[in-house]
Amino acid sequence: MGVDSSWEHEDGTSIERIGDPQNRLCRFLQGADLRGTVCLRFLDPFGDTTFNQLQIVVLVEELQGIVSAQPEPEVRDHLRRILDLAIRARGQAHTYLKFFGD
């Protein structure tokens, strides 16, 4: 089981969700050096991670910087889907971007 991504209202209702049955986000997290990141390094493949509107702005910038550098096409495509979701979520008051690990 992978890390599912979800854009949610503050009451927890889902606006849009991206499943990860092939564990693509975990594969990225295991192989990436995220020490220089502010948000990405806190994605927990075994727990849940929530980003608020201020953090989503930073997360978008970090994803934009790493997506094209991914050598594995499936992982790159999955990260692009997450980036697109984060871009849509950015600036939408009272919503959060959440990641649900194993």
N, C-alpha and C. Protein backbone atom coordinates (compact mmCIF):
# COMPACT_ATOMS: atom_id res chain seq x y z
N MET A 1 0.85 -1.19 0.00
CA MET A 1 0.00 0.00 0.00
C MET A 1 0.89 1.24 0.00
N GLY A 2 0.51 2.23 -0.77
CA GLY A 2 1.31 3.44 -0.90
C GLY A 2 0.81 4.58 -0.05
N VAL A 3 1.26 5.76 -0.40
CA VAL A 3 0.87 6.99 0.29
C VAL A 3 -0.16 7.70 -0.59
N ASP A 4 -1.40 7.73 -0.14
CA ASP A 4 -2.45 8.41 -0.89
C ASP A 4 -2.40 9.91 -0.60
N SER A 5 -2.72 10.70 -1.61
CA SER A 5 -2.73 12.16 -1.50
C SER A 5 -4.17 12.65 -1.58
N SER A 6 -4.51 13.63 -0.76
CA SER A 6 -5.89 14.10 -0.74
C SER A 6 -5.94 15.60 -0.48
N TRP A 7 -6.74 16.29 -1.28
CA TRP A 7 -7.06 17.70 -1.03
C TRP A 7 -8.40 17.68 -0.31
N GLU A 8 -8.44 18.30 0.87
CA GLU A 8 -9.62 18.19 1.71
C GLU A 8 -10.06 19.53 2.28
N HIS A 9 -11.38 19.61 2.53
CA HIS A 9 -11.93 20.74 3.28
C HIS A 9 -11.49 20.60 4.74
N GLU A 10 -11.62 21.66 5.50
CA GLU A 10 -11.20 21.61 6.89
C GLU A 10 -11.99 20.61 7.73
N ASP A 11 -13.18 20.23 7.28
CA ASP A 11 -13.95 19.24 8.02
C ASP A 11 -13.57 17.80 7.64
N GLY A 12 -12.59 17.66 6.74
CA GLY A 12 -12.10 16.34 6.36
C GLY A 12 -12.75 15.73 5.14
N THR A 13 -13.73 16.42 4.57
CA THR A 13 -14.34 15.88 3.36
C THR A 13 -13.38 16.07 2.18
N SER A 14 -13.31 15.05 1.35
CA SER A 14 -12.37 15.05 0.24
C SER A 14 -12.87 15.88 -0.93
N ILE A 15 -11.99 16.67 -1.49
CA ILE A 15 -12.27 17.41 -2.72
C ILE A 15 -11.75 16.59 -3.90
N GLU A 16 -10.54 16.06 -3.74
CA GLU A 16 -9.94 15.22 -4.77
C GLU A 16 -8.89 14.34 -4.11
N ARG A 17 -8.78 13.10 -4.59
CA ARG A 17 -7.86 12.14 -3.99
C ARG A 17 -7.07 11.43 -5.08
N ILE A 18 -5.80 11.18 -4.80
CA ILE A 18 -4.93 10.42 -5.70
C ILE A 18 -4.44 9.20 -4.93
N GLY A 19 -4.84 8.03 -5.39
CA GLY A 19 -4.38 6.80 -4.77
C GLY A 19 -2.96 6.46 -5.23
N ASP A 20 -2.32 5.59 -4.48
CA ASP A 20 -0.94 5.20 -4.80
C ASP A 20 -0.76 3.69 -4.58
N PRO A 21 -1.53 2.86 -5.29
CA PRO A 21 -1.44 1.42 -5.05
C PRO A 21 -0.10 0.81 -5.47
N GLN A 22 0.64 1.49 -6.35
CA GLN A 22 1.94 0.97 -6.78
C GLN A 22 3.11 1.51 -5.95
N ASN A 23 2.80 2.22 -4.88
CA ASN A 23 3.85 2.69 -3.96
C ASN A 23 4.82 3.68 -4.61
N ARG A 24 4.37 4.45 -5.54
CA ARG A 24 5.26 5.35 -6.28
C ARG A 24 5.83 6.46 -5.41
N LEU A 25 5.01 7.04 -4.56
CA LEU A 25 5.52 8.12 -3.70
C LEU A 25 6.54 7.57 -2.70
N CYS A 26 6.30 6.39 -2.19
CA CYS A 26 7.27 5.77 -1.27
C CYS A 26 8.60 5.50 -1.98
N ARG A 27 8.54 5.05 -3.22
CA ARG A 27 9.77 4.81 -3.98
C ARG A 27 10.55 6.10 -4.13
N PHE A 28 9.84 7.19 -4.40
CA PHE A 28 10.50 8.49 -4.50
C PHE A 28 11.13 8.88 -3.16
N LEU A 29 10.35 8.77 -2.08
CA LEU A 29 10.83 9.19 -0.77
C LEU A 29 12.05 8.39 -0.32
N GLN A 30 12.08 7.11 -0.64
CA GLN A 30 13.19 6.26 -0.22
C GLN A 30 14.48 6.60 -0.97
N GLY A 31 14.36 7.04 -2.21
CA GLY A 31 15.56 7.28 -3.01
C GLY A 31 16.00 8.72 -3.08
N ALA A 32 15.23 9.64 -2.55
CA ALA A 32 15.53 11.07 -2.70
C ALA A 32 16.29 11.62 -1.50
N ASP A 33 17.18 12.56 -1.79
CA ASP A 33 17.85 13.30 -0.72
C ASP A 33 17.03 14.56 -0.47
N LEU A 34 16.26 14.55 0.58
CA LEU A 34 15.33 15.64 0.87
C LEU A 34 15.80 16.57 1.98
N ARG A 35 17.06 16.45 2.36
CA ARG A 35 17.57 17.27 3.48
C ARG A 35 17.46 18.76 3.21
N GLY A 36 17.54 19.18 1.96
CA GLY A 36 17.47 20.60 1.64
C GLY A 36 16.06 21.12 1.44
N THR A 37 15.06 20.28 1.65
CA THR A 37 13.68 20.71 1.46
C THR A 37 13.07 21.15 2.79
N VAL A 38 12.02 21.93 2.68
CA VAL A 38 11.31 22.40 3.87
C VAL A 38 10.10 21.52 4.17
N CYS A 39 9.36 21.15 3.14
CA CYS A 39 8.14 20.37 3.33
C CYS A 39 8.30 18.90 2.95
N LEU A 40 8.89 18.62 1.80
CA LEU A 40 8.98 17.25 1.31
C LEU A 40 9.65 16.30 2.30
N ARG A 41 10.61 16.79 3.03
CA ARG A 41 11.33 15.90 3.96
C ARG A 41 10.45 15.42 5.10
N PHE A 42 9.31 16.04 5.30
CA PHE A 42 8.42 15.64 6.39
C PHE A 42 7.30 14.70 5.94
N LEU A 43 7.26 14.34 4.66
CA LEU A 43 6.28 13.34 4.22
C LEU A 43 6.62 12.01 4.88
N ASP A 44 5.67 11.47 5.59
CA ASP A 44 5.88 10.23 6.35
C ASP A 44 5.21 9.07 5.62
N PRO A 45 6.01 8.14 5.05
CA PRO A 45 5.40 7.03 4.32
C PRO A 45 4.62 6.06 5.21
N PHE A 46 4.80 6.15 6.53
CA PHE A 46 4.14 5.22 7.44
C PHE A 46 3.10 5.89 8.33
N GLY A 47 2.92 7.18 8.16
CA GLY A 47 1.95 7.93 8.95
C GLY A 47 1.23 8.92 8.07
N ASP A 48 0.56 9.85 8.68
CA ASP A 48 -0.18 10.86 7.94
C ASP A 48 0.53 12.20 8.05
N THR A 49 0.47 12.98 6.97
CA THR A 49 1.10 14.29 6.92
C THR A 49 0.09 15.28 6.37
N THR A 50 -0.03 16.45 7.01
CA THR A 50 -0.98 17.47 6.58
C THR A 50 -0.24 18.77 6.33
N PHE A 51 -0.54 19.39 5.17
CA PHE A 51 0.04 20.70 4.84
C PHE A 51 -1.07 21.73 4.78
N ASN A 52 -0.85 22.87 5.46
CA ASN A 52 -1.82 23.96 5.43
C ASN A 52 -1.54 24.87 4.23
N GLN A 53 -2.30 25.92 4.07
CA GLN A 53 -2.17 26.79 2.91
C GLN A 53 -0.79 27.46 2.81
N LEU A 54 -0.21 27.85 3.91
CA LEU A 54 1.12 28.45 3.87
C LEU A 54 2.17 27.44 3.45
N GLN A 55 2.02 26.22 3.88
CA GLN A 55 2.97 25.16 3.53
C GLN A 55 2.78 24.67 2.10
N ILE A 56 1.57 24.69 1.60
CA ILE A 56 1.31 24.23 0.24
C ILE A 56 2.08 25.07 -0.78
N VAL A 57 2.21 26.35 -0.54
CA VAL A 57 2.98 27.23 -1.43
C VAL A 57 4.42 26.71 -1.55
N VAL A 58 5.02 26.37 -0.44
CA VAL A 58 6.39 25.86 -0.42
C VAL A 58 6.45 24.47 -1.05
N LEU A 59 5.47 23.63 -0.74
CA LEU A 59 5.43 22.29 -1.30
C LEU A 59 5.36 22.33 -2.83
N VAL A 60 4.57 23.23 -3.39
CA VAL A 60 4.47 23.39 -4.84
C VAL A 60 5.85 23.73 -5.42
N GLU A 61 6.54 24.67 -4.81
CA GLU A 61 7.88 25.05 -5.30
C GLU A 61 8.84 23.88 -5.26
N GLU A 62 8.79 23.11 -4.18
CA GLU A 62 9.69 21.96 -4.05
C GLU A 62 9.36 20.89 -5.10
N LEU A 63 8.09 20.62 -5.29
CA LEU A 63 7.70 19.62 -6.29
C LEU A 63 8.09 20.07 -7.70
N GLN A 64 7.93 21.34 -7.99
CA GLN A 64 8.31 21.85 -9.30
C GLN A 64 9.80 21.65 -9.55
N GLY A 65 10.58 21.72 -8.50
CA GLY A 65 12.02 21.57 -8.64
C GLY A 65 12.50 20.13 -8.80
N ILE A 66 11.68 19.15 -8.43
CA ILE A 66 12.16 17.77 -8.44
C ILE A 66 11.47 16.87 -9.46
N VAL A 67 10.31 17.26 -9.94
CA VAL A 67 9.53 16.37 -10.80
C VAL A 67 10.29 15.97 -12.05
N SER A 68 10.79 16.92 -12.78
CA SER A 68 11.43 16.61 -14.07
C SER A 68 12.72 15.83 -13.91
N ALA A 69 13.31 15.85 -12.72
CA ALA A 69 14.58 15.15 -12.49
C ALA A 69 14.39 13.68 -12.15
N GLN A 70 13.15 13.23 -12.03
CA GLN A 70 12.90 11.84 -11.66
C GLN A 70 13.16 10.91 -12.83
N PRO A 71 14.07 9.95 -12.67
CA PRO A 71 14.42 9.07 -13.78
C PRO A 71 13.36 8.01 -14.08
N GLU A 72 12.56 7.64 -13.10
CA GLU A 72 11.57 6.59 -13.28
C GLU A 72 10.26 7.21 -13.77
N PRO A 73 9.83 6.89 -15.01
CA PRO A 73 8.65 7.54 -15.59
C PRO A 73 7.38 7.43 -14.74
N GLU A 74 7.13 6.26 -14.14
CA GLU A 74 5.93 6.10 -13.33
C GLU A 74 5.95 7.01 -12.11
N VAL A 75 7.11 7.13 -11.48
CA VAL A 75 7.25 8.00 -10.31
C VAL A 75 7.10 9.46 -10.74
N ARG A 76 7.73 9.83 -11.85
CA ARG A 76 7.65 11.20 -12.36
C ARG A 76 6.21 11.58 -12.66
N ASP A 77 5.47 10.68 -13.31
CA ASP A 77 4.06 10.97 -13.63
C ASP A 77 3.22 11.11 -12.36
N HIS A 78 3.49 10.26 -11.39
CA HIS A 78 2.75 10.34 -10.12
C HIS A 78 3.05 11.66 -9.41
N LEU A 79 4.30 12.06 -9.38
CA LEU A 79 4.66 13.34 -8.75
C LEU A 79 4.03 14.51 -9.49
N ARG A 80 3.92 14.41 -10.80
CA ARG A 80 3.24 15.47 -11.57
C ARG A 80 1.77 15.57 -11.17
N ARG A 81 1.13 14.43 -10.97
CA ARG A 81 -0.28 14.44 -10.55
C ARG A 81 -0.42 15.11 -9.17
N ILE A 82 0.52 14.81 -8.27
CA ILE A 82 0.49 15.43 -6.94
C ILE A 82 0.76 16.92 -7.07
N LEU A 83 1.70 17.30 -7.91
CA LEU A 83 1.99 18.72 -8.13
C LEU A 83 0.74 19.43 -8.66
N ASP A 84 0.07 18.85 -9.64
CA ASP A 84 -1.15 19.46 -10.18
C ASP A 84 -2.21 19.62 -9.09
N LEU A 85 -2.34 18.62 -8.24
CA LEU A 85 -3.29 18.70 -7.13
C LEU A 85 -2.91 19.83 -6.17
N ALA A 86 -1.64 19.93 -5.86
CA ALA A 86 -1.16 20.98 -4.95
C ALA A 86 -1.38 22.37 -5.54
N ILE A 87 -1.18 22.50 -6.84
CA ILE A 87 -1.40 23.79 -7.50
C ILE A 87 -2.88 24.18 -7.41
N ARG A 88 -3.77 23.22 -7.64
CA ARG A 88 -5.20 23.52 -7.52
C ARG A 88 -5.59 23.86 -6.08
N ALA A 89 -4.94 23.22 -5.12
CA ALA A 89 -5.26 23.45 -3.70
C ALA A 89 -4.70 24.78 -3.19
N ARG A 90 -3.60 25.22 -3.78
CA ARG A 90 -2.92 26.43 -3.32
C ARG A 90 -3.86 27.63 -3.36
N GLY A 91 -3.93 28.34 -2.26
CA GLY A 91 -4.74 29.55 -2.18
C GLY A 91 -6.22 29.32 -1.92
N GLN A 92 -6.62 28.08 -1.72
CA GLN A 92 -8.03 27.77 -1.47
C GLN A 92 -8.26 27.70 0.04
N ALA A 93 -8.80 28.76 0.58
CA ALA A 93 -8.98 28.90 2.03
C ALA A 93 -9.72 27.71 2.64
N HIS A 94 -9.31 27.37 3.83
CA HIS A 94 -9.94 26.32 4.64
C HIS A 94 -9.83 24.93 4.00
N THR A 95 -8.78 24.74 3.22
CA THR A 95 -8.51 23.41 2.66
C THR A 95 -7.07 23.02 2.97
N TYR A 96 -6.81 21.72 2.92
CA TYR A 96 -5.50 21.17 3.28
C TYR A 96 -5.11 20.10 2.28
N LEU A 97 -3.82 19.89 2.14
CA LEU A 97 -3.31 18.79 1.35
C LEU A 97 -2.80 17.75 2.33
N LYS A 98 -3.35 16.54 2.24
CA LYS A 98 -3.02 15.50 3.20
C LYS A 98 -2.45 14.28 2.48
N PHE A 99 -1.54 13.61 3.17
CA PHE A 99 -0.92 12.40 2.67
C PHE A 99 -1.13 11.32 3.71
N PHE A 100 -1.68 10.19 3.28
CA PHE A 100 -2.00 9.09 4.19
C PHE A 100 -1.11 7.90 3.90
N GLY A 101 -0.18 7.64 4.82
CA GLY A 101 0.74 6.51 4.67
C GLY A 101 0.14 5.25 5.22
N ASP A 102 0.97 4.19 5.18
CA ASP A 102 0.51 2.86 5.65
C ASP A 102 0.09 2.88 7.09
